[in-house]
């Protein structure tokens, strides 16, 4: 087999293998991908006005984003991509006055807080 034909055969094989990702083969396991902070309603319900930053961090964990221009705001973001490729995003923000929790906003709301 001439070398140019061999190179063409190898290049064709590589192109075919690379194209495998374009097709969805039945029976192939696809995983759910989760990024960011895991926040639940139960966690949010533990928040009370007047909590310190340390207490909030204990309940919710370290925030994904701490705004450098507004140090009194922490953003918790959660992105989920299911095996079909559909993506959802949820956001929860806590606001402080100095070291004291004063407000929240986002996809979850603490039980018993004024709206």
C-alpha atoms as a PDB file:
ATOM      1  CA  UNK A   1       0.000   0.000   0.000  1.00  0.00           C
ATOM      2  CA  UNK A   2       1.532   3.345  -0.996  1.00  0.00           C
ATOM      3  CA  UNK A   3       2.237   5.806   1.810  1.00  0.00           C
ATOM      4  CA  UNK A   4      -0.166   8.471   0.476  1.00  0.00           C
ATOM      5  CA  UNK A   5      -3.003   5.918   0.482  1.00  0.00           C
ATOM      6  CA  UNK A   6      -2.064   4.859   4.007  1.00  0.00           C
ATOM      7  CA  UNK A   7      -2.113   8.499   5.189  1.00  0.00           C
ATOM      8  CA  UNK A   8      -5.513   9.003   3.548  1.00  0.00           C
ATOM      9  CA  UNK A   9      -6.869   5.877   5.271  1.00  0.00           C
ATOM     10  CA  UNK A  10      -5.607   7.026   8.701  1.00  0.00           C
ATOM     11  CA  UNK A  11      -7.023  10.545   8.178  1.00  0.00           C
ATOM     12  CA  UNK A  12     -10.406   9.096   7.145  1.00  0.00           C
ATOM     13  CA  UNK A  13     -10.475   6.843  10.205  1.00  0.00           C
ATOM     14  CA  UNK A  14      -9.680   9.796  12.503  1.00  0.00           C
ATOM     15  CA  UNK A  15     -12.447  11.869  10.901  1.00  0.00           C
ATOM     16  CA  UNK A  16     -14.965   9.056  11.374  1.00  0.00           C
ATOM     17  CA  UNK A  17     -14.021   8.595  15.029  1.00  0.00           C
ATOM     18  CA  UNK A  18     -14.283  12.335  15.631  1.00  0.00           C
ATOM     19  CA  UNK A  19     -17.775  12.372  14.140  1.00  0.00           C
ATOM     20  CA  UNK A  20     -18.996   9.823  16.709  1.00  0.00           C
ATOM     21  CA  UNK A  21     -19.673  12.632  19.163  1.00  0.00           C
ATOM     22  CA  UNK A  22     -22.231  14.116  16.741  1.00  0.00           C
ATOM     23  CA  UNK A  23     -24.514  11.099  16.993  1.00  0.00           C
ATOM     24  CA  UNK A  24     -26.454  10.007  20.067  1.00  0.00           C
ATOM     25  CA  UNK A  25     -26.061   6.283  20.353  1.00  0.00           C
ATOM     26  CA  UNK A  26     -28.845   4.421  22.178  1.00  0.00           C
ATOM     27  CA  UNK A  27     -27.850   2.956  25.514  1.00  0.00           C
ATOM     28  CA  UNK A  28     -24.999   5.409  26.101  1.00  0.00           C
ATOM     29  CA  UNK A  29     -25.109   6.706  29.670  1.00  0.00           C
ATOM     30  CA  UNK A  30     -25.142  10.491  29.956  1.00  0.00           C
ATOM     31  CA  UNK A  31     -24.636  12.100  33.317  1.00  0.00           C
ATOM     32  CA  UNK A  32     -26.308  15.042  34.973  1.00  0.00           C
ATOM     33  CA  UNK A  33     -23.843  17.928  35.356  1.00  0.00           C
ATOM     34  CA  UNK A  34     -24.252  20.279  38.298  1.00  0.00           C
ATOM     35  CA  UNK A  35     -22.120  23.378  38.815  1.00  0.00           C
ATOM     36  CA  UNK A  36     -22.094  25.987  41.531  1.00  0.00           C
ATOM     37  CA  UNK A  37     -23.652  25.983  44.972  1.00  0.00           C
ATOM     38  CA  UNK A  38     -26.226  23.438  46.042  1.00  0.00           C
ATOM     39  CA  UNK A  39     -28.975  25.416  47.776  1.00  0.00           C
ATOM     40  CA  UNK A  40     -32.200  23.919  49.105  1.00  0.00           C
ATOM     41  CA  UNK A  41     -35.308  25.513  50.561  1.00  0.00           C
ATOM     42  CA  UNK A  42     -34.473  23.883  53.901  1.00  0.00           C
ATOM     43  CA  UNK A  43     -31.111  25.660  53.955  1.00  0.00           C
ATOM     44  CA  UNK A  44     -32.703  29.003  53.069  1.00  0.00           C
ATOM     45  CA  UNK A  45     -35.358  28.555  55.787  1.00  0.00           C
ATOM     46  CA  UNK A  46     -32.556  28.443  58.393  1.00  0.00           C
ATOM     47  CA  UNK A  47     -31.585  32.050  57.597  1.00  0.00           C
ATOM     48  CA  UNK A  48     -32.756  34.703  60.043  1.00  0.00           C
ATOM     49  CA  UNK A  49     -32.385  38.489  59.889  1.00  0.00           C
ATOM     50  CA  UNK A  50     -29.442  39.609  61.985  1.00  0.00           C
ATOM     51  CA  UNK A  51     -27.253  36.539  61.347  1.00  0.00           C
ATOM     52  CA  UNK A  52     -23.542  37.219  60.885  1.00  0.00           C
ATOM     53  CA  UNK A  53     -21.604  36.494  57.690  1.00  0.00           C
ATOM     54  CA  UNK A  54     -19.974  33.551  59.425  1.00  0.00           C
ATOM     55  CA  UNK A  55     -23.353  32.055  60.349  1.00  0.00           C
ATOM     56  CA  UNK A  56     -24.652  32.513  56.782  1.00  0.00           C
ATOM     57  CA  UNK A  57     -21.517  30.867  55.381  1.00  0.00           C
ATOM     58  CA  UNK A  58     -22.049  27.951  57.798  1.00  0.00           C
ATOM     59  CA  UNK A  59     -25.641  27.459  56.584  1.00  0.00           C
ATOM     60  CA  UNK A  60     -25.191  28.066  52.834  1.00  0.00           C
ATOM     61  CA  UNK A  61     -21.497  27.440  52.264  1.00  0.00           C
ATOM     62  CA  UNK A  62     -19.016  29.685  50.489  1.00  0.00           C
ATOM     63  CA  UNK A  63     -20.710  31.852  47.860  1.00  0.00           C
ATOM     64  CA  UNK A  64     -19.853  31.302  44.214  1.00  0.00           C
ATOM     65  CA  UNK A  65     -19.547  35.062  43.679  1.00  0.00           C
ATOM     66  CA  UNK A  66     -18.474  37.772  46.079  1.00  0.00           C
ATOM     67  CA  UNK A  67     -18.935  41.105  44.314  1.00  0.00           C
ATOM     68  CA  UNK A  68     -15.718  43.109  44.577  1.00  0.00           C
ATOM     69  CA  UNK A  69     -17.599  46.377  44.009  1.00  0.00           C
ATOM     70  CA  UNK A  70     -20.300  45.548  46.560  1.00  0.00           C
ATOM     71  CA  UNK A  71     -18.849  43.535  49.467  1.00  0.00           C
ATOM     72  CA  UNK A  72     -22.270  43.468  51.151  1.00  0.00           C
ATOM     73  CA  UNK A  73     -23.708  41.071  48.549  1.00  0.00           C
ATOM     74  CA  UNK A  74     -23.089  37.347  48.098  1.00  0.00           C
ATOM     75  CA  UNK A  75     -24.433  35.424  45.090  1.00  0.00           C
ATOM     76  CA  UNK A  76     -25.114  31.689  45.132  1.00  0.00           C
ATOM     77  CA  UNK A  77     -25.638  30.280  41.626  1.00  0.00           C
ATOM     78  CA  UNK A  78     -26.567  26.716  40.680  1.00  0.00           C
ATOM     79  CA  UNK A  79     -26.528  25.413  37.105  1.00  0.00           C
ATOM     80  CA  UNK A  80     -27.828  21.989  36.187  1.00  0.00           C
ATOM     81  CA  UNK A  81     -27.607  20.270  32.811  1.00  0.00           C
ATOM     82  CA  UNK A  82     -29.645  17.115  32.465  1.00  0.00           C
ATOM     83  CA  UNK A  83     -28.626  14.211  30.204  1.00  0.00           C
ATOM     84  CA  UNK A  84     -30.764  15.617  27.347  1.00  0.00           C
ATOM     85  CA  UNK A  85     -28.654  18.799  27.339  1.00  0.00           C
ATOM     86  CA  UNK A  86     -31.369  21.000  28.864  1.00  0.00           C
ATOM     87  CA  UNK A  87     -29.865  23.566  31.241  1.00  0.00           C
ATOM     88  CA  UNK A  88     -31.490  25.279  34.215  1.00  0.00           C
ATOM     89  CA  UNK A  89     -30.061  27.969  36.453  1.00  0.00           C
ATOM     90  CA  UNK A  90     -31.152  29.132  39.902  1.00  0.00           C
ATOM     91  CA  UNK A  91     -29.828  32.087  41.843  1.00  0.00           C
ATOM     92  CA  UNK A  92     -29.948  33.179  45.469  1.00  0.00           C
ATOM     93  CA  UNK A  93     -28.487  36.434  46.802  1.00  0.00           C
ATOM     94  CA  UNK A  94     -27.938  37.540  50.384  1.00  0.00           C
ATOM     95  CA  UNK A  95     -27.374  41.160  51.418  1.00  0.00           C
ATOM     96  CA  UNK A  96     -25.502  42.409  54.460  1.00  0.00           C
ATOM     97  CA  UNK A  97     -25.192  45.677  56.301  1.00  0.00           C
ATOM     98  CA  UNK A  98     -21.638  45.400  57.590  1.00  0.00           C
ATOM     99  CA  UNK A  99     -21.558  41.938  59.168  1.00  0.00           C
ATOM    100  CA  UNK A 100     -25.338  41.531  59.608  1.00  0.00           C
ATOM    101  CA  UNK A 101     -27.739  39.757  57.210  1.00  0.00           C
ATOM    102  CA  UNK A 102     -30.531  42.163  56.227  1.00  0.00           C
ATOM    103  CA  UNK A 103     -32.194  40.785  53.057  1.00  0.00           C
ATOM    104  CA  UNK A 104     -32.346  38.007  50.466  1.00  0.00           C
ATOM    105  CA  UNK A 105     -33.555  37.668  46.894  1.00  0.00           C
ATOM    106  CA  UNK A 106     -33.704  35.028  44.195  1.00  0.00           C
ATOM    107  CA  UNK A 107     -35.386  31.734  43.411  1.00  0.00           C
ATOM    108  CA  UNK A 108     -35.833  30.769  47.075  1.00  0.00           C
ATOM    109  CA  UNK A 109     -37.281  32.866  49.891  1.00  0.00           C
ATOM    110  CA  UNK A 110     -36.814  32.213  53.615  1.00  0.00           C
ATOM    111  CA  UNK A 111     -39.994  31.305  55.425  1.00  0.00           C
ATOM    112  CA  UNK A 112     -41.341  34.054  57.664  1.00  0.00           C
ATOM    113  CA  UNK A 113     -39.394  36.941  56.077  1.00  0.00           C
ATOM    114  CA  UNK A 114     -41.205  40.043  54.839  1.00  0.00           C
ATOM    115  CA  UNK A 115     -41.598  40.011  51.073  1.00  0.00           C
END
